Amino acid sequence: MMNGDITVESQVGLGSNFTVYLPLYVEGVNGELENIFIYSFAAF
């Protein structure tokens, strides 16, 4: 729905990294929409 993505990288004994990608569109200085990428990382 939002054209995002979730990935997981895991190593035994070290934990896991979860990456969440959500595109965010904002109006740029020229009035056109620009795509800004948002990442959220969590390591356990």
N, C-alpha and C. Protein backbone atom coordinates (compact mmCIF):
# COMPACT_ATOMS: atom_id res chain seq x y z
N MET A 1 0.80 -1.20 0.00
CA MET A 1 0.00 0.00 0.00
C MET A 1 0.85 1.27 0.00
N MET A 2 1.91 1.27 0.80
CA MET A 2 2.73 2.48 0.91
C MET A 2 4.04 2.34 0.16
N ASN A 3 4.21 1.24 -0.58
CA ASN A 3 5.44 0.98 -1.33
C ASN A 3 6.67 0.92 -0.44
N GLY A 4 6.51 0.40 0.77
CA GLY A 4 7.62 0.27 1.69
C GLY A 4 8.20 -1.13 1.65
N ASP A 5 9.14 -1.37 2.58
CA ASP A 5 9.82 -2.66 2.63
C ASP A 5 10.33 -2.89 4.04
N ILE A 6 10.38 -4.16 4.46
CA ILE A 6 10.94 -4.55 5.74
C ILE A 6 11.94 -5.67 5.49
N THR A 7 13.14 -5.52 6.04
CA THR A 7 14.14 -6.58 5.92
C THR A 7 14.67 -6.93 7.32
N VAL A 8 15.13 -8.17 7.46
CA VAL A 8 15.69 -8.64 8.72
C VAL A 8 17.01 -9.34 8.44
N GLU A 9 18.04 -8.99 9.20
CA GLU A 9 19.32 -9.68 9.16
C GLU A 9 19.58 -10.20 10.56
N SER A 10 19.93 -11.49 10.67
CA SER A 10 20.11 -12.09 11.98
C SER A 10 21.36 -12.95 12.01
N GLN A 11 22.06 -12.91 13.16
CA GLN A 11 23.23 -13.76 13.38
C GLN A 11 23.11 -14.39 14.76
N VAL A 12 23.31 -15.68 14.83
CA VAL A 12 23.21 -16.41 16.09
C VAL A 12 24.18 -15.81 17.11
N GLY A 13 23.67 -15.52 18.28
CA GLY A 13 24.49 -14.97 19.35
C GLY A 13 24.72 -13.48 19.28
N LEU A 14 24.39 -12.84 18.15
CA LEU A 14 24.59 -11.40 18.00
C LEU A 14 23.30 -10.61 17.96
N GLY A 15 22.22 -11.23 17.56
CA GLY A 15 20.93 -10.55 17.50
C GLY A 15 20.48 -10.30 16.08
N SER A 16 19.52 -9.41 15.95
CA SER A 16 18.89 -9.15 14.65
C SER A 16 18.82 -7.66 14.38
N ASN A 17 18.91 -7.30 13.11
CA ASN A 17 18.68 -5.93 12.65
C ASN A 17 17.42 -5.92 11.81
N PHE A 18 16.49 -5.08 12.18
CA PHE A 18 15.26 -4.90 11.42
C PHE A 18 15.34 -3.55 10.74
N THR A 19 15.11 -3.51 9.44
CA THR A 19 15.14 -2.26 8.69
C THR A 19 13.76 -2.03 8.09
N VAL A 20 13.21 -0.87 8.36
CA VAL A 20 11.90 -0.50 7.81
C VAL A 20 12.11 0.67 6.86
N TYR A 21 11.68 0.51 5.63
CA TYR A 21 11.81 1.55 4.62
C TYR A 21 10.42 2.06 4.27
N LEU A 22 10.20 3.35 4.45
CA LEU A 22 8.94 3.98 4.06
C LEU A 22 9.25 5.23 3.25
N PRO A 23 8.78 5.30 2.01
CA PRO A 23 9.03 6.52 1.23
C PRO A 23 8.16 7.67 1.74
N LEU A 24 8.73 8.85 1.76
CA LEU A 24 8.01 10.04 2.18
C LEU A 24 8.19 11.09 1.09
N TYR A 25 7.10 11.62 0.62
CA TYR A 25 7.16 12.63 -0.44
C TYR A 25 6.87 13.99 0.16
N VAL A 26 7.76 14.95 -0.10
CA VAL A 26 7.58 16.32 0.37
C VAL A 26 7.73 17.28 -0.81
N GLU A 27 7.16 18.44 -0.67
CA GLU A 27 7.26 19.43 -1.73
C GLU A 27 8.62 20.12 -1.66
N GLY A 28 9.36 20.05 -2.74
CA GLY A 28 10.68 20.68 -2.80
C GLY A 28 10.58 22.16 -3.09
N VAL A 29 11.73 22.81 -3.13
CA VAL A 29 11.77 24.26 -3.34
C VAL A 29 11.24 24.66 -4.72
N ASN A 30 11.30 23.74 -5.67
CA ASN A 30 10.80 24.05 -7.01
C ASN A 30 9.33 23.70 -7.18
N GLY A 31 8.67 23.27 -6.09
CA GLY A 31 7.25 22.95 -6.14
C GLY A 31 6.94 21.52 -6.52
N GLU A 32 7.96 20.75 -6.92
CA GLU A 32 7.74 19.35 -7.29
C GLU A 32 7.93 18.46 -6.07
N LEU A 33 7.28 17.29 -6.10
CA LEU A 33 7.42 16.34 -5.00
C LEU A 33 8.78 15.66 -5.06
N GLU A 34 9.43 15.58 -3.90
CA GLU A 34 10.72 14.89 -3.79
C GLU A 34 10.56 13.70 -2.87
N ASN A 35 11.22 12.61 -3.19
CA ASN A 35 11.15 11.38 -2.41
C ASN A 35 12.25 11.39 -1.36
N ILE A 36 11.87 11.30 -0.09
CA ILE A 36 12.82 11.23 1.01
C ILE A 36 12.66 9.85 1.63
N PHE A 37 13.78 9.18 1.92
CA PHE A 37 13.74 7.84 2.45
C PHE A 37 13.88 7.86 3.97
N ILE A 38 13.07 7.06 4.65
CA ILE A 38 13.12 6.96 6.10
C ILE A 38 13.49 5.54 6.47
N TYR A 39 14.51 5.40 7.31
CA TYR A 39 14.94 4.08 7.77
C TYR A 39 14.85 4.04 9.30
N SER A 40 14.42 2.93 9.80
CA SER A 40 14.40 2.73 11.24
C SER A 40 15.12 1.45 11.56
N PHE A 41 16.15 1.50 12.42
CA PHE A 41 16.95 0.34 12.74
C PHE A 41 16.77 -0.06 14.20
N ALA A 42 16.71 -1.33 14.45
CA ALA A 42 16.67 -1.83 15.82
C ALA A 42 17.51 -3.10 15.88
N ALA A 43 18.43 -3.16 16.83
CA ALA A 43 19.27 -4.34 17.00
C ALA A 43 18.97 -4.95 18.36
N PHE A 44 18.77 -6.25 18.39
CA PHE A 44 18.45 -6.95 19.63
C PHE A 44 19.51 -7.98 19.90
